[in-house]
Amino acid sequence: MNLSRGSERLTEARKEEIIAACAALYEEKGFKETTIKDIGKAITLTRTGIYIYFETKEEIFLALLGREYDAWVSEMREVMNRETAMARIDVAEVLARTLTNHPRLLRLLSMNLYEMEANSRPERLTEFKKSFGASLEAVDLLLRQYIPEMNEEERGKFVYAFFPFIYGIYPYTSVTEKQKRAMCEAGIPYQYRSAFELTFECAKKLLEA
């Protein structure tokens, strides 16, 4: 066995273990209350041990976000490998369904991504951007495969309208009772819309389906 390759595999396995622990703690405690100490305790690794792989909490969360993008891309590619043809409204449905099958992605996107990126080393930021870039490419490929009449400019306009939109979905679909009461007292009527509904309507409108 190649020692270098074995070392790389161990490193990747350890990183995945850290990211998985972060994901579990995030579901339980949220971003603010999750600490590197908590993550280390969950996998019996010291804080110093974690620093071998990630220098900041933001780097770990950025890696988690990258993993969520990868999962979304994988699901879109499964659809493209399976379906031979789709109408525009079906493409809108696929985008909405595959995206909202990953609620953690939407939740992470609603956080301050700027701070996460600012507090990550260039190499970690590059790793994340590769996952983000793969999601842009997957959506573009979806459009090229099923709506061939869309030209490059039209696909670009869709992508750069759709992606900023998905950053704001989570706060509109996950409202606490405290927030509902505040809106009521402020005279704002609350109407629940699911993440799927919002995404489907947006994609449908952008595709004019």
C-alpha atoms as a PDB file:
ATOM      1  CA  MET A   1       0.000   0.000   0.000  1.00  0.00           C
ATOM      2  CA  ASN A   2       1.244   3.491  -0.867  1.00  0.00           C
ATOM      3  CA  LEU A   3       1.949   5.203   2.476  1.00  0.00           C
ATOM      4  CA  SER A   4       1.195   8.638   1.070  1.00  0.00           C
ATOM      5  CA  ARG A   5      -2.169   7.486  -0.270  1.00  0.00           C
ATOM      6  CA  GLY A   6      -2.952   5.779   3.027  1.00  0.00           C
ATOM      7  CA  SER A   7      -2.145   8.976   4.899  1.00  0.00           C
ATOM      8  CA  GLU A   8      -4.406  10.982   2.567  1.00  0.00           C
ATOM      9  CA  ARG A   9      -7.252   8.545   3.186  1.00  0.00           C
ATOM     10  CA  LEU A  10      -6.803   8.807   6.945  1.00  0.00           C
ATOM     11  CA  THR A  11      -6.785  12.598   6.707  1.00  0.00           C
ATOM     12  CA  GLU A  12      -9.976  12.649   4.630  1.00  0.00           C
ATOM     13  CA  ALA A  13     -11.648  10.159   6.970  1.00  0.00           C
ATOM     14  CA  ARG A  14     -10.766  12.301   9.995  1.00  0.00           C
ATOM     15  CA  LYS A  15     -12.041  15.445   8.282  1.00  0.00           C
ATOM     16  CA  GLU A  16     -15.308  13.709   7.424  1.00  0.00           C
ATOM     17  CA  GLU A  17     -15.640  12.593  11.044  1.00  0.00           C
ATOM     18  CA  ILE A  18     -15.222  16.190  12.219  1.00  0.00           C
ATOM     19  CA  ILE A  19     -17.727  17.471   9.666  1.00  0.00           C
ATOM     20  CA  ALA A  20     -20.270  14.786  10.616  1.00  0.00           C
ATOM     21  CA  ALA A  21     -19.950  15.703  14.295  1.00  0.00           C
ATOM     22  CA  CYS A  22     -20.406  19.354  13.411  1.00  0.00           C
ATOM     23  CA  ALA A  23     -23.563  18.514  11.427  1.00  0.00           C
ATOM     24  CA  ALA A  24     -25.093  16.625  14.372  1.00  0.00           C
ATOM     25  CA  LEU A  25     -24.286  19.406  16.835  1.00  0.00           C
ATOM     26  CA  TYR A  26     -25.608  22.047  14.440  1.00  0.00           C
ATOM     27  CA  GLU A  27     -28.993  20.299  14.356  1.00  0.00           C
ATOM     28  CA  GLU A  28     -29.039  20.195  18.151  1.00  0.00           C
ATOM     29  CA  LYS A  29     -27.481  23.523  19.151  1.00  0.00           C
ATOM     30  CA  GLY A  30     -27.204  25.769  16.087  1.00  0.00           C
ATOM     31  CA  PHE A  31     -24.148  27.620  14.823  1.00  0.00           C
ATOM     32  CA  LYS A  32     -23.549  30.028  17.689  1.00  0.00           C
ATOM     33  CA  GLU A  33     -23.632  27.413  20.465  1.00  0.00           C
ATOM     34  CA  THR A  34     -21.567  24.813  18.618  1.00  0.00           C
ATOM     35  CA  THR A  35     -17.891  25.086  19.559  1.00  0.00           C
ATOM     36  CA  ILE A  36     -14.714  23.347  18.449  1.00  0.00           C
ATOM     37  CA  LYS A  37     -14.502  21.943  21.972  1.00  0.00           C
ATOM     38  CA  ASP A  38     -17.979  20.381  21.566  1.00  0.00           C
ATOM     39  CA  ILE A  39     -17.012  18.864  18.218  1.00  0.00           C
ATOM     40  CA  GLY A  40     -13.808  17.410  19.654  1.00  0.00           C
ATOM     41  CA  LYS A  41     -15.673  15.967  22.624  1.00  0.00           C
ATOM     42  CA  ALA A  42     -18.176  14.264  20.300  1.00  0.00           C
ATOM     43  CA  ILE A  43     -15.406  12.356  18.491  1.00  0.00           C
ATOM     44  CA  THR A  44     -12.840  12.121  21.328  1.00  0.00           C
ATOM     45  CA  LEU A  45     -10.410  14.461  19.623  1.00  0.00           C
ATOM     46  CA  THR A  46      -8.670  17.351  21.368  1.00  0.00           C
ATOM     47  CA  ARG A  47      -9.048  20.906  20.181  1.00  0.00           C
ATOM     48  CA  THR A  48      -5.386  20.777  19.143  1.00  0.00           C
ATOM     49  CA  GLY A  49      -6.158  17.624  17.155  1.00  0.00           C
ATOM     50  CA  ILE A  50      -8.949  19.389  15.270  1.00  0.00           C
ATOM     51  CA  TYR A  51      -6.624  22.301  14.469  1.00  0.00           C
ATOM     52  CA  ILE A  52      -4.538  19.877  12.377  1.00  0.00           C
ATOM     53  CA  TYR A  53      -7.456  19.769   9.943  1.00  0.00           C
ATOM     54  CA  PHE A  54      -9.429  22.971  10.538  1.00  0.00           C
ATOM     55  CA  GLU A  55      -8.164  26.215  12.079  1.00  0.00           C
ATOM     56  CA  THR A  56     -11.556  27.769  12.867  1.00  0.00           C
ATOM     57  CA  LYS A  57     -15.149  26.771  13.506  1.00  0.00           C
ATOM     58  CA  GLU A  58     -16.073  28.653  10.350  1.00  0.00           C
ATOM     59  CA  GLU A  59     -13.813  26.384   8.296  1.00  0.00           C
ATOM     60  CA  ILE A  60     -15.663  23.323   9.586  1.00  0.00           C
ATOM     61  CA  PHE A  61     -19.048  24.836   8.796  1.00  0.00           C
ATOM     62  CA  LEU A  62     -17.848  25.882   5.348  1.00  0.00           C
ATOM     63  CA  ALA A  63     -16.779  22.273   4.726  1.00  0.00           C
ATOM     64  CA  LEU A  64     -20.211  21.119   5.925  1.00  0.00           C
ATOM     65  CA  LEU A  65     -21.875  23.528   3.509  1.00  0.00           C
ATOM     66  CA  GLY A  66     -19.670  22.195   0.709  1.00  0.00           C
ATOM     67  CA  ARG A  67     -20.780  18.664   1.561  1.00  0.00           C
ATOM     68  CA  GLU A  68     -24.419  19.748   1.398  1.00  0.00           C
ATOM     69  CA  TYR A  69     -23.855  21.275  -2.054  1.00  0.00           C
ATOM     70  CA  ASP A  70     -22.229  17.995  -3.160  1.00  0.00           C
ATOM     71  CA  ALA A  71     -25.282  16.015  -2.007  1.00  0.00           C
ATOM     72  CA  TRP A  72     -27.622  18.323  -3.947  1.00  0.00           C
ATOM     73  CA  VAL A  73     -25.466  18.021  -7.078  1.00  0.00           C
ATOM     74  CA  SER A  74     -25.467  14.226  -6.746  1.00  0.00           C
ATOM     75  CA  GLU A  75     -29.259  14.150  -6.600  1.00  0.00           C
ATOM     76  CA  MET A  76     -29.612  16.410  -9.657  1.00  0.00           C
ATOM     77  CA  ARG A  77     -27.194  14.206 -11.606  1.00  0.00           C
ATOM     78  CA  GLU A  78     -29.216  11.108 -10.689  1.00  0.00           C
ATOM     79  CA  VAL A  79     -32.284  12.753 -12.233  1.00  0.00           C
ATOM     80  CA  MET A  80     -30.360  13.691 -15.384  1.00  0.00           C
ATOM     81  CA  ASN A  81     -29.065  10.146 -15.746  1.00  0.00           C
ATOM     82  CA  ARG A  82     -32.589   8.758 -15.383  1.00  0.00           C
ATOM     83  CA  GLU A  83     -34.872  11.135 -17.282  1.00  0.00           C
ATOM     84  CA  THR A  84     -34.594  11.497 -21.060  1.00  0.00           C
ATOM     85  CA  ALA A  85     -36.937  14.462 -21.500  1.00  0.00           C
ATOM     86  CA  MET A  86     -38.742  17.039 -19.374  1.00  0.00           C
ATOM     87  CA  ALA A  87     -40.915  20.093 -19.950  1.00  0.00           C
ATOM     88  CA  ARG A  88     -39.936  23.430 -18.378  1.00  0.00           C
ATOM     89  CA  ILE A  89     -42.429  23.001 -15.557  1.00  0.00           C
ATOM     90  CA  ASP A  90     -40.897  19.590 -14.796  1.00  0.00           C
ATOM     91  CA  VAL A  91     -37.426  21.162 -14.634  1.00  0.00           C
ATOM     92  CA  ALA A  92     -38.795  23.711 -12.150  1.00  0.00           C
ATOM     93  CA  GLU A  93     -40.238  20.851 -10.086  1.00  0.00           C
ATOM     94  CA  VAL A  94     -36.935  18.942 -10.119  1.00  0.00           C
ATOM     95  CA  LEU A  95     -35.018  22.016  -8.960  1.00  0.00           C
ATOM     96  CA  ALA A  96     -37.513  22.625  -6.155  1.00  0.00           C
ATOM     97  CA  ARG A  97     -37.676  18.990  -5.066  1.00  0.00           C
ATOM     98  CA  THR A  98     -33.956  18.244  -5.111  1.00  0.00           C
ATOM     99  CA  LEU A  99     -33.058  21.489  -3.370  1.00  0.00           C
ATOM    100  CA  THR A 100     -35.631  21.201  -0.610  1.00  0.00           C
ATOM    101  CA  ASN A 101     -34.611  17.590   0.004  1.00  0.00           C
ATOM    102  CA  HIS A 102     -31.580  19.193   1.658  1.00  0.00           C
ATOM    103  CA  PRO A 103     -32.973  21.485   4.383  1.00  0.00           C
ATOM    104  CA  ARG A 104     -29.588  21.764   6.095  1.00  0.00           C
ATOM    105  CA  LEU A 105     -28.214  23.337   2.924  1.00  0.00           C
ATOM    106  CA  LEU A 106     -30.944  25.982   2.988  1.00  0.00           C
ATOM    107  CA  ARG A 107     -30.420  26.610   6.693  1.00  0.00           C
ATOM    108  CA  LEU A 108     -26.659  27.010   6.297  1.00  0.00           C
ATOM    109  CA  LEU A 109     -27.146  29.343   3.337  1.00  0.00           C
ATOM    110  CA  SER A 110     -29.261  31.643   5.503  1.00  0.00           C
ATOM    111  CA  MET A 111     -26.271  32.200   7.810  1.00  0.00           C
ATOM    112  CA  ASN A 112     -23.582  34.846   7.319  1.00  0.00           C
ATOM    113  CA  LEU A 113     -21.619  33.119   4.566  1.00  0.00           C
ATOM    114  CA  TYR A 114     -19.406  36.187   4.189  1.00  0.00           C
ATOM    115  CA  GLU A 115     -18.040  35.714   7.736  1.00  0.00           C
ATOM    116  CA  MET A 116     -17.592  31.987   7.230  1.00  0.00           C
ATOM    117  CA  GLU A 117     -15.522  32.601   4.115  1.00  0.00           C
ATOM    118  CA  ALA A 118     -13.580  35.471   5.693  1.00  0.00           C
ATOM    119  CA  ASN A 119     -12.547  33.257   8.619  1.00  0.00           C
ATOM    120  CA  SER A 120     -11.332  30.371   6.452  1.00  0.00           C
ATOM    121  CA  ARG A 121      -7.900  29.819   4.925  1.00  0.00           C
ATOM    122  CA  PRO A 122      -7.561  30.177   1.136  1.00  0.00           C
ATOM    123  CA  GLU A 123      -7.177  26.431   0.611  1.00  0.00           C
ATOM    124  CA  ARG A 124     -10.366  25.686   2.580  1.00  0.00           C
ATOM    125  CA  LEU A 125     -12.206  28.420   0.716  1.00  0.00           C
ATOM    126  CA  THR A 126     -11.043  26.940  -2.599  1.00  0.00           C
ATOM    127  CA  GLU A 127     -12.337  23.498  -1.570  1.00  0.00           C
ATOM    128  CA  PHE A 128     -15.719  25.022  -0.809  1.00  0.00           C
ATOM    129  CA  LYS A 129     -15.829  27.012  -4.054  1.00  0.00           C
ATOM    130  CA  LYS A 130     -15.292  23.791  -6.003  1.00  0.00           C
ATOM    131  CA  SER A 131     -18.479  22.356  -4.463  1.00  0.00           C
ATOM    132  CA  PHE A 132     -20.342  25.604  -5.076  1.00  0.00           C
ATOM    133  CA  GLY A 133     -19.080  25.701  -8.655  1.00  0.00           C
ATOM    134  CA  ALA A 134     -20.234  22.119  -9.202  1.00  0.00           C
ATOM    135  CA  SER A 135     -23.768  23.152  -8.190  1.00  0.00           C
ATOM    136  CA  LEU A 136     -23.727  26.017 -10.714  1.00  0.00           C
ATOM    137  CA  GLU A 137     -22.547  23.609 -13.407  1.00  0.00           C
ATOM    138  CA  ALA A 138     -25.185  21.009 -12.490  1.00  0.00           C
ATOM    139  CA  VAL A 139     -28.045  23.512 -12.778  1.00  0.00           C
ATOM    140  CA  ASP A 140     -26.628  24.799 -16.076  1.00  0.00           C
ATOM    141  CA  LEU A 141     -26.381  21.202 -17.349  1.00  0.00           C
ATOM    142  CA  LEU A 142     -29.976  20.541 -16.271  1.00  0.00           C
ATOM    143  CA  LEU A 143     -31.109  23.500 -18.378  1.00  0.00           C
ATOM    144  CA  ARG A 144     -28.957  22.515 -21.361  1.00  0.00           C
ATOM    145  CA  GLN A 145     -30.173  18.929 -21.262  1.00  0.00           C
ATOM    146  CA  TYR A 146     -33.898  19.565 -20.980  1.00  0.00           C
ATOM    147  CA  ILE A 147     -34.354  23.077 -22.378  1.00  0.00           C
ATOM    148  CA  PRO A 148     -31.910  23.145 -25.310  1.00  0.00           C
ATOM    149  CA  GLU A 149     -33.554  26.228 -26.789  1.00  0.00           C
ATOM    150  CA  MET A 150     -32.147  28.322 -23.926  1.00  0.00           C
ATOM    151  CA  ASN A 151     -28.899  29.948 -25.004  1.00  0.00           C
ATOM    152  CA  GLU A 152     -25.858  30.540 -22.802  1.00  0.00           C
ATOM    153  CA  GLU A 153     -26.909  34.070 -21.864  1.00  0.00           C
ATOM    154  CA  GLU A 154     -30.402  32.941 -20.887  1.00  0.00           C
ATOM    155  CA  ARG A 155     -29.026  30.104 -18.774  1.00  0.00           C
ATOM    156  CA  GLY A 156     -26.614  32.502 -17.090  1.00  0.00           C
ATOM    157  CA  LYS A 157     -29.427  34.889 -16.229  1.00  0.00           C
ATOM    158  CA  PHE A 158     -31.425  32.024 -14.717  1.00  0.00           C
ATOM    159  CA  VAL A 159     -28.512  30.749 -12.625  1.00  0.00           C
ATOM    160  CA  TYR A 160     -27.606  34.173 -11.246  1.00  0.00           C
ATOM    161  CA  ALA A 161     -31.213  34.938 -10.347  1.00  0.00           C
ATOM    162  CA  PHE A 162     -31.986  31.516  -8.877  1.00  0.00           C
ATOM    163  CA  PHE A 163     -28.906  31.109  -6.663  1.00  0.00           C
ATOM    164  CA  PRO A 164     -29.222  34.446  -4.797  1.00  0.00           C
ATOM    165  CA  PHE A 165     -32.896  33.572  -4.247  1.00  0.00           C
ATOM    166  CA  ILE A 166     -32.133  30.276  -2.478  1.00  0.00           C
ATOM    167  CA  TYR A 167     -30.018  32.093   0.136  1.00  0.00           C
ATOM    168  CA  GLY A 168     -33.173  33.610   1.589  1.00  0.00           C
ATOM    169  CA  ILE A 169     -35.594  30.682   1.544  1.00  0.00           C
ATOM    170  CA  TYR A 170     -35.004  29.283   5.035  1.00  0.00           C
ATOM    171  CA  PRO A 171     -36.072  32.331   7.116  1.00  0.00           C
ATOM    172  CA  TYR A 172     -39.373  32.464   5.221  1.00  0.00           C
ATOM    173  CA  THR A 173     -40.197  28.804   5.809  1.00  0.00           C
ATOM    174  CA  SER A 174     -38.951  28.240   9.363  1.00  0.00           C
ATOM    175  CA  VAL A 175     -40.690  30.812  11.528  1.00  0.00           C
ATOM    176  CA  THR A 176     -40.734  30.367  15.316  1.00  0.00           C
ATOM    177  CA  GLU A 177     -43.742  31.041  17.509  1.00  0.00           C
ATOM    178  CA  LYS A 178     -41.902  34.073  18.902  1.00  0.00           C
ATOM    179  CA  GLN A 179     -41.477  35.458  15.392  1.00  0.00           C
ATOM    180  CA  LYS A 180     -45.130  34.770  14.549  1.00  0.00           C
ATOM    181  CA  ARG A 181     -46.270  36.688  17.636  1.00  0.00           C
ATOM    182  CA  ALA A 182     -43.968  39.591  16.769  1.00  0.00           C
ATOM    183  CA  MET A 183     -45.358  39.745  13.220  1.00  0.00           C
ATOM    184  CA  CYS A 184     -48.876  39.618  14.546  1.00  0.00           C
ATOM    185  CA  GLU A 185     -48.174  42.487  16.948  1.00  0.00           C
ATOM    186  CA  ALA A 186     -46.549  44.417  14.091  1.00  0.00           C
ATOM    187  CA  GLY A 187     -49.672  43.911  11.989  1.00  0.00           C
ATOM    188  CA  ILE A 188     -48.017  41.589   9.448  1.00  0.00           C
ATOM    189  CA  PRO A 189     -50.239  38.659   8.400  1.00  0.00           C
ATOM    190  CA  TYR A 190     -48.320  35.372   8.483  1.00  0.00           C
ATOM    191  CA  GLN A 191     -48.888  32.953   5.618  1.00  0.00           C
ATOM    192  CA  TYR A 192     -46.968  29.695   5.709  1.00  0.00           C
ATOM    193  CA  ARG A 193     -45.315  28.664   2.439  1.00  0.00           C
ATOM    194  CA  SER A 194     -43.122  25.596   2.221  1.00  0.00           C
ATOM    195  CA  ALA A 195     -39.594  25.715   0.842  1.00  0.00           C
ATOM    196  CA  PHE A 196     -40.770  23.585  -2.069  1.00  0.00           C
ATOM    197  CA  GLU A 197     -43.617  25.962  -2.900  1.00  0.00           C
ATOM    198  CA  LEU A 198     -41.395  29.036  -2.847  1.00  0.00           C
ATOM    199  CA  THR A 199     -38.644  27.389  -4.891  1.00  0.00           C
ATOM    200  CA  PHE A 200     -41.043  25.889  -7.427  1.00  0.00           C
ATOM    201  CA  GLU A 201     -42.820  29.203  -7.987  1.00  0.00           C
ATOM    202  CA  CYS A 202     -39.516  31.034  -8.385  1.00  0.00           C
ATOM    203  CA  ALA A 203     -38.025  28.489 -10.819  1.00  0.00           C
ATOM    204  CA  LYS A 204     -41.302  28.309 -12.766  1.00  0.00           C
ATOM    205  CA  LYS A 205     -41.412  32.078 -13.106  1.00  0.00           C
ATOM    206  CA  LEU A 206     -37.756  32.336 -14.160  1.00  0.00           C
ATOM    207  CA  LEU A 207     -38.311  29.593 -16.740  1.00  0.00           C
ATOM    208  CA  GLU A 208     -41.695  31.065 -17.707  1.00  0.00           C
ATOM    209  CA  ALA A 209     -43.088  27.539 -17.433  1.00  0.00           C
END
